[in-house]
Amino acid sequence: MTIDNDLVFKVVGREVCLDLIADIESELKVHPDLKVTDVIELLQVRAAEFAERDSLEERSIGNCRNCQRPMVDQGGVLYHLGPNARVSMRGCRSASFDWNEGSWDDSISRHWKAAK
């Protein structure tokens, strides 16, 4: 069976595909005897994460007045949406953490919280 990569990229998005490929490759390095059923399970977990992300993006109530990051209201408590649109921290500086660089935005006060 062959897969048309261009079609897959168009349907789910290039970044999503690249993330999934990276996840599978890292799992195969740790567990070289991984079965197809295990890979399918990994893909199902990632699909659920993307569905949750999409749901959170739809529930966004606007940007934080302090740091301009998008926020969601969960039970009356405001949280920032972090990378990949996952619910992040309440604190603006905590939500600024960049996983690629391993650092926070030091220009943001440690006292700022998500606020309308």
PDB file of N, CA and C in Angstrom:
ATOM      1  N   MET A   1       0.849  -1.182   0.000  1.00  0.00           N
ATOM      2  CA  MET A   1       0.000   0.000   0.000  1.00  0.00           C
ATOM      3  C   MET A   1       0.892   1.243   0.000  1.00  0.00           C
ATOM      4  N   THR A   2       0.550   2.203  -0.824  1.00  0.00           N
ATOM      5  CA  THR A   2       1.279   3.463  -0.834  1.00  0.00           C
ATOM      6  C   THR A   2       0.360   4.567  -0.351  1.00  0.00           C
ATOM      7  N   ILE A   3       0.954   5.561   0.257  1.00  0.00           N
ATOM      8  CA  ILE A   3       0.196   6.686   0.795  1.00  0.00           C
ATOM      9  C   ILE A   3       0.620   7.944   0.062  1.00  0.00           C
ATOM     10  N   ASP A   4      -0.364   8.695  -0.389  1.00  0.00           N
ATOM     11  CA  ASP A   4      -0.098   9.959  -1.062  1.00  0.00           C
ATOM     12  C   ASP A   4       0.161  11.025   0.007  1.00  0.00           C
ATOM     13  N   ASN A   5       1.443  11.334   0.263  1.00  0.00           N
ATOM     14  CA  ASN A   5       1.802  12.283   1.317  1.00  0.00           C
ATOM     15  C   ASN A   5       1.171  13.650   1.112  1.00  0.00           C
ATOM     16  N   ASP A   6       1.113  14.113  -0.140  1.00  0.00           N
ATOM     17  CA  ASP A   6       0.512  15.422  -0.404  1.00  0.00           C
ATOM     18  C   ASP A   6      -0.942  15.452   0.022  1.00  0.00           C
ATOM     19  N   LEU A   7      -1.666  14.375  -0.245  1.00  0.00           N
ATOM     20  CA  LEU A   7      -3.074  14.306   0.140  1.00  0.00           C
ATOM     21  C   LEU A   7      -3.205  14.303   1.663  1.00  0.00           C
ATOM     22  N   VAL A   8      -2.366  13.524   2.331  1.00  0.00           N
ATOM     23  CA  VAL A   8      -2.414  13.472   3.802  1.00  0.00           C
ATOM     24  C   VAL A   8      -2.108  14.850   4.379  1.00  0.00           C
ATOM     25  N   PHE A   9      -1.087  15.517   3.856  1.00  0.00           N
ATOM     26  CA  PHE A   9      -0.734  16.853   4.333  1.00  0.00           C
ATOM     27  C   PHE A   9      -1.894  17.823   4.158  1.00  0.00           C
ATOM     28  N   LYS A  10      -2.591  17.727   3.011  1.00  0.00           N
ATOM     29  CA  LYS A  10      -3.714  18.632   2.757  1.00  0.00           C
ATOM     30  C   LYS A  10      -4.870  18.378   3.713  1.00  0.00           C
ATOM     31  N   VAL A  11      -5.123  17.112   4.044  1.00  0.00           N
ATOM     32  CA  VAL A  11      -6.269  16.760   4.883  1.00  0.00           C
ATOM     33  C   VAL A  11      -6.027  17.138   6.339  1.00  0.00           C
ATOM     34  N   VAL A  12      -4.906  16.755   6.901  1.00  0.00           N
ATOM     35  CA  VAL A  12      -4.684  16.986   8.328  1.00  0.00           C
ATOM     36  C   VAL A  12      -3.687  18.088   8.638  1.00  0.00           C
ATOM     37  N   GLY A  13      -2.973  18.558   7.662  1.00  0.00           N
ATOM     38  CA  GLY A  13      -2.010  19.623   7.895  1.00  0.00           C
ATOM     39  C   GLY A  13      -0.597  19.077   8.040  1.00  0.00           C
ATOM     40  N   ARG A  14       0.312  19.798   7.448  1.00  0.00           N
ATOM     41  CA  ARG A  14       1.713  19.374   7.436  1.00  0.00           C
ATOM     42  C   ARG A  14       2.295  19.252   8.843  1.00  0.00           C
ATOM     43  N   GLU A  15       2.054  20.245   9.699  1.00  0.00           N
ATOM     44  CA  GLU A  15       2.642  20.216  11.046  1.00  0.00           C
ATOM     45  C   GLU A  15       2.126  19.030  11.862  1.00  0.00           C
ATOM     46  N   VAL A  16       0.838  18.736  11.716  1.00  0.00           N
ATOM     47  CA  VAL A  16       0.263  17.599  12.428  1.00  0.00           C
ATOM     48  C   VAL A  16       0.926  16.312  11.963  1.00  0.00           C
ATOM     49  N   CYS A  17       1.082  16.158  10.655  1.00  0.00           N
ATOM     50  CA  CYS A  17       1.734  14.962  10.118  1.00  0.00           C
ATOM     51  C   CYS A  17       3.165  14.834  10.630  1.00  0.00           C
ATOM     52  N   LEU A  18       3.890  15.925  10.596  1.00  0.00           N
ATOM     53  CA  LEU A  18       5.281  15.887  11.055  1.00  0.00           C
ATOM     54  C   LEU A  18       5.364  15.555  12.541  1.00  0.00           C
ATOM     55  N   ASP A  19       4.425  16.071  13.333  1.00  0.00           N
ATOM     56  CA  ASP A  19       4.387  15.739  14.766  1.00  0.00           C
ATOM     57  C   ASP A  19       4.131  14.250  14.968  1.00  0.00           C
ATOM     58  N   LEU A  20       3.190  13.708  14.215  1.00  0.00           N
ATOM     59  CA  LEU A  20       2.864  12.288  14.335  1.00  0.00           C
ATOM     60  C   LEU A  20       4.035  11.420  13.915  1.00  0.00           C
ATOM     61  N   ILE A  21       4.688  11.792  12.837  1.00  0.00           N
ATOM     62  CA  ILE A  21       5.856  11.034  12.378  1.00  0.00           C
ATOM     63  C   ILE A  21       6.948  11.058  13.444  1.00  0.00           C
ATOM     64  N   ALA A  22       7.188  12.218  14.026  1.00  0.00           N
ATOM     65  CA  ALA A  22       8.208  12.334  15.084  1.00  0.00           C
ATOM     66  C   ALA A  22       7.842  11.467  16.287  1.00  0.00           C
ATOM     67  N   ASP A  23       6.562  11.464  16.665  1.00  0.00           N
ATOM     68  CA  ASP A  23       6.118  10.620  17.781  1.00  0.00           C
ATOM     69  C   ASP A  23       6.382   9.147  17.490  1.00  0.00           C
ATOM     70  N   ILE A  24       6.025   8.719  16.296  1.00  0.00           N
ATOM     71  CA  ILE A  24       6.207   7.311  15.929  1.00  0.00           C
ATOM     72  C   ILE A  24       7.686   6.956  15.890  1.00  0.00           C
ATOM     73  N   GLU A  25       8.506   7.821  15.300  1.00  0.00           N
ATOM     74  CA  GLU A  25       9.946   7.557  15.236  1.00  0.00           C
ATOM     75  C   GLU A  25      10.560   7.455  16.624  1.00  0.00           C
ATOM     76  N   SER A  26      10.158   8.348  17.534  1.00  0.00           N
ATOM     77  CA  SER A  26      10.735   8.296  18.885  1.00  0.00           C
ATOM     78  C   SER A  26      10.286   7.037  19.622  1.00  0.00           C
ATOM     79  N   GLU A  27       9.035   6.627  19.405  1.00  0.00           N
ATOM     80  CA  GLU A  27       8.563   5.389  20.025  1.00  0.00           C
ATOM     81  C   GLU A  27       9.307   4.174  19.464  1.00  0.00           C
ATOM     82  N   LEU A  28       9.577   4.181  18.153  1.00  0.00           N
ATOM     83  CA  LEU A  28      10.293   3.064  17.540  1.00  0.00           C
ATOM     84  C   LEU A  28      11.736   2.981  18.026  1.00  0.00           C
ATOM     85  N   LYS A  29      12.344   4.123  18.341  1.00  0.00           N
ATOM     86  CA  LYS A  29      13.716   4.101  18.865  1.00  0.00           C
ATOM     87  C   LYS A  29      13.759   3.447  20.241  1.00  0.00           C
ATOM     88  N   VAL A  30      12.745   3.743  21.061  1.00  0.00           N
ATOM     89  CA  VAL A  30      12.688   3.189  22.413  1.00  0.00           C
ATOM     90  C   VAL A  30      12.190   1.744  22.387  1.00  0.00           C
ATOM     91  N   HIS A  31      11.237   1.485  21.492  1.00  0.00           N
ATOM     92  CA  HIS A  31      10.615   0.152  21.406  1.00  0.00           C
ATOM     93  C   HIS A  31      10.669  -0.342  19.957  1.00  0.00           C
ATOM     94  N   PRO A  32      11.823  -0.859  19.517  1.00  0.00           N
ATOM     95  CA  PRO A  32      11.968  -1.264  18.114  1.00  0.00           C
ATOM     96  C   PRO A  32      11.033  -2.406  17.714  1.00  0.00           C
ATOM     97  N   ASP A  33      10.500  -3.134  18.693  1.00  0.00           N
ATOM     98  CA  ASP A  33       9.604  -4.249  18.392  1.00  0.00           C
ATOM     99  C   ASP A  33       8.129  -3.828  18.376  1.00  0.00           C
ATOM    100  N   LEU A  34       7.887  -2.540  18.288  1.00  0.00           N
ATOM    101  CA  LEU A  34       6.532  -1.995  18.276  1.00  0.00           C
ATOM    102  C   LEU A  34       5.718  -2.617  17.144  1.00  0.00           C
ATOM    103  N   LYS A  35       4.470  -2.954  17.449  1.00  0.00           N
ATOM    104  CA  LYS A  35       3.583  -3.555  16.456  1.00  0.00           C
ATOM    105  C   LYS A  35       2.702  -2.485  15.832  1.00  0.00           C
ATOM    106  N   VAL A  36       2.115  -2.816  14.709  1.00  0.00           N
ATOM    107  CA  VAL A  36       1.221  -1.887  14.017  1.00  0.00           C
ATOM    108  C   VAL A  36       0.079  -1.483  14.939  1.00  0.00           C
ATOM    109  N   THR A  37      -0.432  -2.411  15.732  1.00  0.00           N
ATOM    110  CA  THR A  37      -1.533  -2.081  16.648  1.00  0.00           C
ATOM    111  C   THR A  37      -1.094  -1.050  17.686  1.00  0.00           C
ATOM    112  N   ASP A  38       0.159  -1.109  18.100  1.00  0.00           N
ATOM    113  CA  ASP A  38       0.686  -0.120  19.042  1.00  0.00           C
ATOM    114  C   ASP A  38       0.776   1.258  18.386  1.00  0.00           C
ATOM    115  N   VAL A  39       1.195   1.276  17.130  1.00  0.00           N
ATOM    116  CA  VAL A  39       1.281   2.543  16.402  1.00  0.00           C
ATOM    117  C   VAL A  39      -0.114   3.131  16.226  1.00  0.00           C
ATOM    118  N   ILE A  40      -1.089   2.289  15.905  1.00  0.00           N
ATOM    119  CA  ILE A  40      -2.471   2.757  15.757  1.00  0.00           C
ATOM    120  C   ILE A  40      -2.968   3.343  17.073  1.00  0.00           C
ATOM    121  N   GLU A  41      -2.649   2.693  18.187  1.00  0.00           N
ATOM    122  CA  GLU A  41      -3.056   3.206  19.499  1.00  0.00           C
ATOM    123  C   GLU A  41      -2.420   4.581  19.759  1.00  0.00           C
ATOM    124  N   LEU A  42      -1.161   4.727  19.411  1.00  0.00           N
ATOM    125  CA  LEU A  42      -0.482   6.016  19.566  1.00  0.00           C
ATOM    126  C   LEU A  42      -1.180   7.084  18.722  1.00  0.00           C
ATOM    127  N   LEU A  43      -1.534   6.738  17.488  1.00  0.00           N
ATOM    128  CA  LEU A  43      -2.226   7.679  16.613  1.00  0.00           C
ATOM    129  C   LEU A  43      -3.603   8.048  17.164  1.00  0.00           C
ATOM    130  N   GLN A  44      -4.293   7.091  17.770  1.00  0.00           N
ATOM    131  CA  GLN A  44      -5.600   7.379  18.361  1.00  0.00           C
ATOM    132  C   GLN A  44      -5.472   8.344  19.533  1.00  0.00           C
ATOM    133  N   VAL A  45      -4.441   8.162  20.343  1.00  0.00           N
ATOM    134  CA  VAL A  45      -4.209   9.077  21.464  1.00  0.00           C
ATOM    135  C   VAL A  45      -3.933  10.483  20.938  1.00  0.00           C
ATOM    136  N   ARG A  46      -3.079  10.569  19.927  1.00  0.00           N
ATOM    137  CA  ARG A  46      -2.765  11.888  19.358  1.00  0.00           C
ATOM    138  C   ARG A  46      -4.001  12.524  18.726  1.00  0.00           C
ATOM    139  N   ALA A  47      -4.844  11.721  18.067  1.00  0.00           N
ATOM    140  CA  ALA A  47      -6.073  12.251  17.464  1.00  0.00           C
ATOM    141  C   ALA A  47      -6.986  12.825  18.540  1.00  0.00           C
ATOM    142  N   ALA A  48      -7.066  12.149  19.679  1.00  0.00           N
ATOM    143  CA  ALA A  48      -7.881  12.652  20.791  1.00  0.00           C
ATOM    144  C   ALA A  48      -7.311  13.970  21.313  1.00  0.00           C
ATOM    145  N   GLU A  49      -5.977  14.078  21.376  1.00  0.00           N
ATOM    146  CA  GLU A  49      -5.350  15.326  21.816  1.00  0.00           C
ATOM    147  C   GLU A  49      -5.673  16.463  20.857  1.00  0.00           C
ATOM    148  N   PHE A  50      -5.633  16.187  19.554  1.00  0.00           N
ATOM    149  CA  PHE A  50      -5.957  17.219  18.566  1.00  0.00           C
ATOM    150  C   PHE A  50      -7.422  17.626  18.654  1.00  0.00           C
ATOM    151  N   ALA A  51      -8.320  16.660  18.907  1.00  0.00           N
ATOM    152  CA  ALA A  51      -9.742  16.978  19.055  1.00  0.00           C
ATOM    153  C   ALA A  51      -9.951  17.875  20.266  1.00  0.00           C
ATOM    154  N   GLU A  52      -9.223  17.577  21.364  1.00  0.00           N
ATOM    155  CA  GLU A  52      -9.321  18.417  22.569  1.00  0.00           C
ATOM    156  C   GLU A  52      -8.799  19.817  22.270  1.00  0.00           C
ATOM    157  N   ARG A  53      -7.706  19.902  21.539  1.00  0.00           N
ATOM    158  CA  ARG A  53      -7.143  21.200  21.167  1.00  0.00           C
ATOM    159  C   ARG A  53      -8.142  22.013  20.359  1.00  0.00           C
ATOM    160  N   ASP A  54      -8.763  21.371  19.377  1.00  0.00           N
ATOM    161  CA  ASP A  54      -9.742  22.068  18.553  1.00  0.00           C
ATOM    162  C   ASP A  54     -10.917  22.544  19.386  1.00  0.00           C
ATOM    163  N   SER A  55     -11.339  21.719  20.339  1.00  0.00           N
ATOM    164  CA  SER A  55     -12.440  22.098  21.221  1.00  0.00           C
ATOM    165  C   SER A  55     -12.062  23.302  22.070  1.00  0.00           C
ATOM    166  N   LEU A  56     -10.839  23.320  22.579  1.00  0.00           N
ATOM    167  CA  LEU A  56     -10.377  24.447  23.396  1.00  0.00           C
ATOM    168  C   LEU A  56     -10.284  25.724  22.579  1.00  0.00           C
ATOM    169  N   GLU A  57      -9.789  25.601  21.333  1.00  0.00           N
ATOM    170  CA  GLU A  57      -9.702  26.786  20.488  1.00  0.00           C
ATOM    171  C   GLU A  57     -11.080  27.378  20.251  1.00  0.00           C
ATOM    172  N   GLU A  58     -12.084  26.520  20.099  1.00  0.00           N
ATOM    173  CA  GLU A  58     -13.445  26.992  19.896  1.00  0.00           C
ATOM    174  C   GLU A  58     -13.984  27.669  21.150  1.00  0.00           C
ATOM    175  N   ARG A  59     -13.507  27.237  22.324  1.00  0.00           N
ATOM    176  CA  ARG A  59     -13.980  27.803  23.587  1.00  0.00           C
ATOM    177  C   ARG A  59     -13.186  29.023  24.035  1.00  0.00           C
ATOM    178  N   SER A  60     -12.215  29.435  23.256  1.00  0.00           N
ATOM    179  CA  SER A  60     -11.407  30.588  23.632  1.00  0.00           C
ATOM    180  C   SER A  60     -12.300  31.812  23.856  1.00  0.00           C
ATOM    181  N   ILE A  61     -12.034  32.515  24.953  1.00  0.00           N
ATOM    182  CA  ILE A  61     -12.854  33.691  25.292  1.00  0.00           C
ATOM    183  C   ILE A  61     -12.133  34.996  24.980  1.00  0.00           C
ATOM    184  N   GLY A  62     -11.038  34.910  24.262  1.00  0.00           N
ATOM    185  CA  GLY A  62     -10.285  36.113  23.921  1.00  0.00           C
ATOM    186  C   GLY A  62      -8.881  36.051  24.476  1.00  0.00           C
ATOM    187  N   ASN A  63      -8.190  37.167  24.359  1.00  0.00           N
ATOM    188  CA  ASN A  63      -6.799  37.227  24.793  1.00  0.00           C
ATOM    189  C   ASN A  63      -6.673  37.861  26.175  1.00  0.00           C
ATOM    190  N   CYS A  64      -5.657  37.443  26.883  1.00  0.00           N
ATOM    191  CA  CYS A  64      -5.343  37.986  28.202  1.00  0.00           C
ATOM    192  C   CYS A  64      -4.951  39.459  28.061  1.00  0.00           C
ATOM    193  N   ARG A  65      -5.466  40.279  28.945  1.00  0.00           N
ATOM    194  CA  ARG A  65      -5.137  41.715  28.843  1.00  0.00           C
ATOM    195  C   ARG A  65      -3.682  41.998  29.207  1.00  0.00           C
ATOM    196  N   ASN A  66      -3.052  41.086  29.931  1.00  0.00           N
ATOM    197  CA  ASN A  66      -1.662  41.302  30.337  1.00  0.00           C
ATOM    198  C   ASN A  66      -0.653  40.856  29.280  1.00  0.00           C
ATOM    199  N   CYS A  67      -0.832  39.639  28.764  1.00  0.00           N
ATOM    200  CA  CYS A  67       0.194  39.076  27.879  1.00  0.00           C
ATOM    201  C   CYS A  67      -0.307  38.799  26.459  1.00  0.00           C
ATOM    202  N   GLN A  68      -1.575  38.991  26.222  1.00  0.00           N
ATOM    203  CA  GLN A  68      -2.179  38.814  24.902  1.00  0.00           C
ATOM    204  C   GLN A  68      -2.242  37.369  24.418  1.00  0.00           C
ATOM    205  N   ARG A  69      -2.060  36.397  25.322  1.00  0.00           N
ATOM    206  CA  ARG A  69      -2.219  34.995  24.930  1.00  0.00           C
ATOM    207  C   ARG A  69      -3.697  34.622  25.003  1.00  0.00           C
ATOM    208  N   PRO A  70      -4.162  33.698  24.153  1.00  0.00           N
ATOM    209  CA  PRO A  70      -5.566  33.285  24.212  1.00  0.00           C
ATOM    210  C   PRO A  70      -5.874  32.582  25.530  1.00  0.00           C
ATOM    211  N   MET A  71      -7.124  32.711  25.968  1.00  0.00           N
ATOM    212  CA  MET A  71      -7.538  32.128  27.254  1.00  0.00           C
ATOM    213  C   MET A  71      -8.820  31.313  27.087  1.00  0.00           C
ATOM    214  N   VAL A  72      -9.053  30.428  28.064  1.00  0.00           N
ATOM    215  CA  VAL A  72     -10.321  29.715  28.190  1.00  0.00           C
ATOM    216  C   VAL A  72     -10.792  29.861  29.629  1.00  0.00           C
ATOM    217  N   ASP A  73     -12.107  29.765  29.801  1.00  0.00           N
ATOM    218  CA  ASP A  73     -12.712  29.803  31.134  1.00  0.00           C
ATOM    219  C   ASP A  73     -13.088  28.378  31.493  1.00  0.00           C
ATOM    220  N   GLN A  74     -12.487  27.871  32.553  1.00  0.00           N
ATOM    221  CA  GLN A  74     -12.810  26.523  33.006  1.00  0.00           C
ATOM    222  C   GLN A  74     -13.357  26.621  34.426  1.00  0.00           C
ATOM    223  N   GLY A  75     -14.681  26.516  34.518  1.00  0.00           N
ATOM    224  CA  GLY A  75     -15.327  26.571  35.819  1.00  0.00           C
ATOM    225  C   GLY A  75     -15.151  27.901  36.522  1.00  0.00           C
ATOM    226  N   GLY A  76     -15.128  28.986  35.769  1.00  0.00           N
ATOM    227  CA  GLY A  76     -14.977  30.307  36.351  1.00  0.00           C
ATOM    228  C   GLY A  76     -13.541  30.730  36.595  1.00  0.00           C
ATOM    229  N   VAL A  77     -12.598  29.887  36.248  1.00  0.00           N
ATOM    230  CA  VAL A  77     -11.174  30.197  36.402  1.00  0.00           C
ATOM    231  C   VAL A  77     -10.571  30.364  35.008  1.00  0.00           C
ATOM    232  N   LEU A  78      -9.841  31.449  34.795  1.00  0.00           N
ATOM    233  CA  LEU A  78      -9.227  31.714  33.496  1.00  0.00           C
ATOM    234  C   LEU A  78      -7.854  31.049  33.401  1.00  0.00           C
ATOM    235  N   TYR A  79      -7.631  30.381  32.273  1.00  0.00           N
ATOM    236  CA  TYR A  79      -6.356  29.739  31.980  1.00  0.00           C
ATOM    237  C   TYR A  79      -5.897  30.185  30.603  1.00  0.00           C
ATOM    238  N   HIS A  80      -4.597  30.241  30.415  1.00  0.00           N
ATOM    239  CA  HIS A  80      -4.032  30.517  29.095  1.00  0.00           C
ATOM    240  C   HIS A  80      -4.081  29.244  28.256  1.00  0.00           C
ATOM    241  N   LEU A  81      -4.150  29.410  26.961  1.00  0.00           N
ATOM    242  CA  LEU A  81      -3.938  28.292  26.054  1.00  0.00           C
ATOM    243  C   LEU A  81      -2.468  28.290  25.711  1.00  0.00           C
ATOM    244  N   GLY A  82      -1.819  27.192  25.993  1.00  0.00           N
ATOM    245  CA  GLY A  82      -0.391  27.113  25.741  1.00  0.00           C
ATOM    246  C   GLY A  82      -0.091  26.599  24.351  1.00  0.00           C
ATOM    247  N   PRO A  83       1.138  26.145  24.143  1.00  0.00           N
ATOM    248  CA  PRO A  83       1.504  25.593  22.846  1.00  0.00           C
ATOM    249  C   PRO A  83       0.557  24.459  22.455  1.00  0.00           C
ATOM    250  N   ASN A  84       0.276  24.347  21.179  1.00  0.00           N
ATOM    251  CA  ASN A  84      -0.653  23.354  20.647  1.00  0.00           C
ATOM    252  C   ASN A  84      -2.052  23.516  21.215  1.00  0.00           C
ATOM    253  N   ALA A  85      -2.340  24.722  21.701  1.00  0.00           N
ATOM    254  CA  ALA A  85      -3.670  25.067  22.203  1.00  0.00           C
ATOM    255  C   ALA A  85      -4.119  24.177  23.347  1.00  0.00           C
ATOM    256  N   ARG A  86      -3.210  23.749  24.164  1.00  0.00           N
ATOM    257  CA  ARG A  86      -3.572  22.992  25.366  1.00  0.00           C
ATOM    258  C   ARG A  86      -3.746  23.968  26.510  1.00  0.00           C
ATOM    259  N   VAL A  87      -4.588  23.602  27.468  1.00  0.00           N
ATOM    260  CA  VAL A  87      -4.756  24.460  28.634  1.00  0.00           C
ATOM    261  C   VAL A  87      -3.417  24.524  29.346  1.00  0.00           C
ATOM    262  N   SER A  88      -2.986  25.724  29.610  1.00  0.00           N
ATOM    263  CA  SER A  88      -1.678  25.935  30.205  1.00  0.00           C
ATOM    264  C   SER A  88      -1.860  26.448  31.628  1.00  0.00           C
ATOM    265  N   MET A  89      -0.994  27.289  32.042  1.00  0.00           N
ATOM    266  CA  MET A  89      -1.008  27.837  33.385  1.00  0.00           C
ATOM    267  C   MET A  89      -1.891  29.066  33.490  1.00  0.00           C
ATOM    268  N   ARG A  90      -2.203  29.421  34.722  1.00  0.00           N
ATOM    269  CA  ARG A  90      -2.916  30.672  34.958  1.00  0.00           C
ATOM    270  C   ARG A  90      -1.968  31.847  34.841  1.00  0.00           C
ATOM    271  N   GLY A  91      -0.733  31.660  35.299  1.00  0.00           N
ATOM    272  CA  GLY A  91       0.244  32.745  35.271  1.00  0.00           C
ATOM    273  C   GLY A  91       0.735  33.041  33.866  1.00  0.00           C
ATOM    274  N   CYS A  92       0.824  34.331  33.546  1.00  0.00           N
ATOM    275  CA  CYS A  92       1.264  34.745  32.206  1.00  0.00           C
ATOM    276  C   CYS A  92       2.686  34.283  31.914  1.00  0.00           C
ATOM    277  N   ARG A  93       3.573  34.441  32.883  1.00  0.00           N
ATOM    278  CA  ARG A  93       4.970  34.058  32.643  1.00  0.00           C
ATOM    279  C   ARG A  93       5.088  32.555  32.468  1.00  0.00           C
ATOM    280  N   SER A  94       4.367  31.796  33.281  1.00  0.00           N
ATOM    281  CA  SER A  94       4.385  30.334  33.142  1.00  0.00           C
ATOM    282  C   SER A  94       3.885  29.908  31.771  1.00  0.00           C
ATOM    283  N   ALA A  95       2.847  30.571  31.291  1.00  0.00           N
ATOM    284  CA  ALA A  95       2.274  30.231  29.984  1.00  0.00           C
ATOM    285  C   ALA A  95       3.205  30.606  28.841  1.00  0.00           C
ATOM    286  N   SER A  96       4.208  31.432  29.107  1.00  0.00           N
ATOM    287  CA  SER A  96       5.116  31.868  28.046  1.00  0.00           C
ATOM    288  C   SER A  96       6.249  30.875  27.803  1.00  0.00           C
ATOM    289  N   PHE A  97       6.289  29.787  28.569  1.00  0.00           N
ATOM    290  CA  PHE A  97       7.403  28.839  28.432  1.00  0.00           C
ATOM    291  C   PHE A  97       7.480  28.312  27.010  1.00  0.00           C
ATOM    292  N   ASP A  98       8.659  28.378  26.422  1.00  0.00           N
ATOM    293  CA  ASP A  98       8.900  27.900  25.060  1.00  0.00           C
ATOM    294  C   ASP A  98       9.639  26.563  25.163  1.00  0.00           C
ATOM    295  N   TRP A  99       8.958  25.492  24.806  1.00  0.00           N
ATOM    296  CA  TRP A  99       9.545  24.149  24.934  1.00  0.00           C
ATOM    297  C   TRP A  99      10.736  23.958  24.006  1.00  0.00           C
ATOM    298  N   ASN A 100      10.745  24.642  22.888  1.00  0.00           N
ATOM    299  CA  ASN A 100      11.864  24.499  21.952  1.00  0.00           C
ATOM    300  C   ASN A 100      13.132  25.146  22.486  1.00  0.00           C
ATOM    301  N   GLU A 101      12.974  26.282  23.152  1.00  0.00           N
ATOM    302  CA  GLU A 101      14.134  27.003  23.668  1.00  0.00           C
ATOM    303  C   GLU A 101      14.401  26.700  25.145  1.00  0.00           C
ATOM    304  N   GLY A 102      13.400  26.157  25.835  1.00  0.00           N
ATOM    305  CA  GLY A 102      13.569  25.817  27.239  1.00  0.00           C
ATOM    306  C   GLY A 102      13.638  27.026  28.158  1.00  0.00           C
ATOM    307  N   SER A 103      12.902  28.094  27.805  1.00  0.00           N
ATOM    308  CA  SER A 103      12.962  29.301  28.624  1.00  0.00           C
ATOM    309  C   SER A 103      11.621  30.028  28.634  1.00  0.00           C
ATOM    310  N   TRP A 104      11.497  30.945  29.584  1.00  0.00           N
ATOM    311  CA  TRP A 104      10.316  31.780  29.719  1.00  0.00           C
ATOM    312  C   TRP A 104      10.598  33.161  29.151  1.00  0.00           C
ATOM    313  N   ASP A 105       9.541  33.898  28.926  1.00  0.00           N
ATOM    314  CA  ASP A 105       9.665  35.295  28.522  1.00  0.00           C
ATOM    315  C   ASP A 105       9.889  36.108  29.802  1.00  0.00           C
ATOM    316  N   ASP A 106      11.137  36.485  30.051  1.00  0.00           N
ATOM    317  CA  ASP A 106      11.482  37.180  31.295  1.00  0.00           C
ATOM    318  C   ASP A 106      10.933  38.599  31.371  1.00  0.00           C
ATOM    319  N   SER A 107      10.401  39.121  30.270  1.00  0.00           N
ATOM    320  CA  SER A 107       9.834  40.465  30.308  1.00  0.00           C
ATOM    321  C   SER A 107       8.439  40.478  30.942  1.00  0.00           C
ATOM    322  N   ILE A 108       7.879  39.293  31.193  1.00  0.00           N
ATOM    323  CA  ILE A 108       6.538  39.186  31.775  1.00  0.00           C
ATOM    324  C   ILE A 108       6.654  39.055  33.291  1.00  0.00           C
ATOM    325  N   SER A 109       5.880  39.857  34.000  1.00  0.00           N
ATOM    326  CA  SER A 109       5.902  39.828  35.460  1.00  0.00           C
ATOM    327  C   SER A 109       5.433  38.474  35.990  1.00  0.00           C
ATOM    328  N   ARG A 110       6.089  37.998  37.029  1.00  0.00           N
ATOM    329  CA  ARG A 110       5.692  36.736  37.662  1.00  0.00           C
ATOM    330  C   ARG A 110       4.349  36.851  38.370  1.00  0.00           C
ATOM    331  N   HIS A 111       3.860  38.072  38.577  1.00  0.00           N
ATOM    332  CA  HIS A 111       2.620  38.292  39.317  1.00  0.00           C
ATOM    333  C   HIS A 111       1.407  38.331  38.420  1.00  0.00           C
ATOM    334  N   TRP A 112       1.577  38.426  37.111  1.00  0.00           N
ATOM    335  CA  TRP A 112       0.440  38.515  36.202  1.00  0.00           C
ATOM    336  C   TRP A 112      -0.270  37.168  36.095  1.00  0.00           C
ATOM    337  N   LYS A 113      -1.590  37.225  36.107  1.00  0.00           N
ATOM    338  CA  LYS A 113      -2.442  36.057  35.918  1.00  0.00           C
ATOM    339  C   LYS A 113      -3.351  36.298  34.732  1.00  0.00           C
ATOM    340  N   ALA A 114      -3.900  35.245  34.164  1.00  0.00           N
ATOM    341  CA  ALA A 114      -4.838  35.372  33.048  1.00  0.00           C
ATOM    342  C   ALA A 114      -5.985  36.292  33.482  1.00  0.00           C
ATOM    343  N   ALA A 115      -6.275  37.306  32.680  1.00  0.00           N
ATOM    344  CA  ALA A 115      -7.299  38.288  33.028  1.00  0.00           C
ATOM    345  C   ALA A 115      -7.957  38.827  31.762  1.00  0.00           C
ATOM    346  N   LYS A 116      -9.243  39.116  31.899  1.00  0.00           N
ATOM    347  CA  LYS A 116      -9.990  39.710  30.769  1.00  0.00           C
ATOM    348  C   LYS A 116      -9.673  41.176  30.666  1.00  0.00           C
TER     349      LYS A 116
END
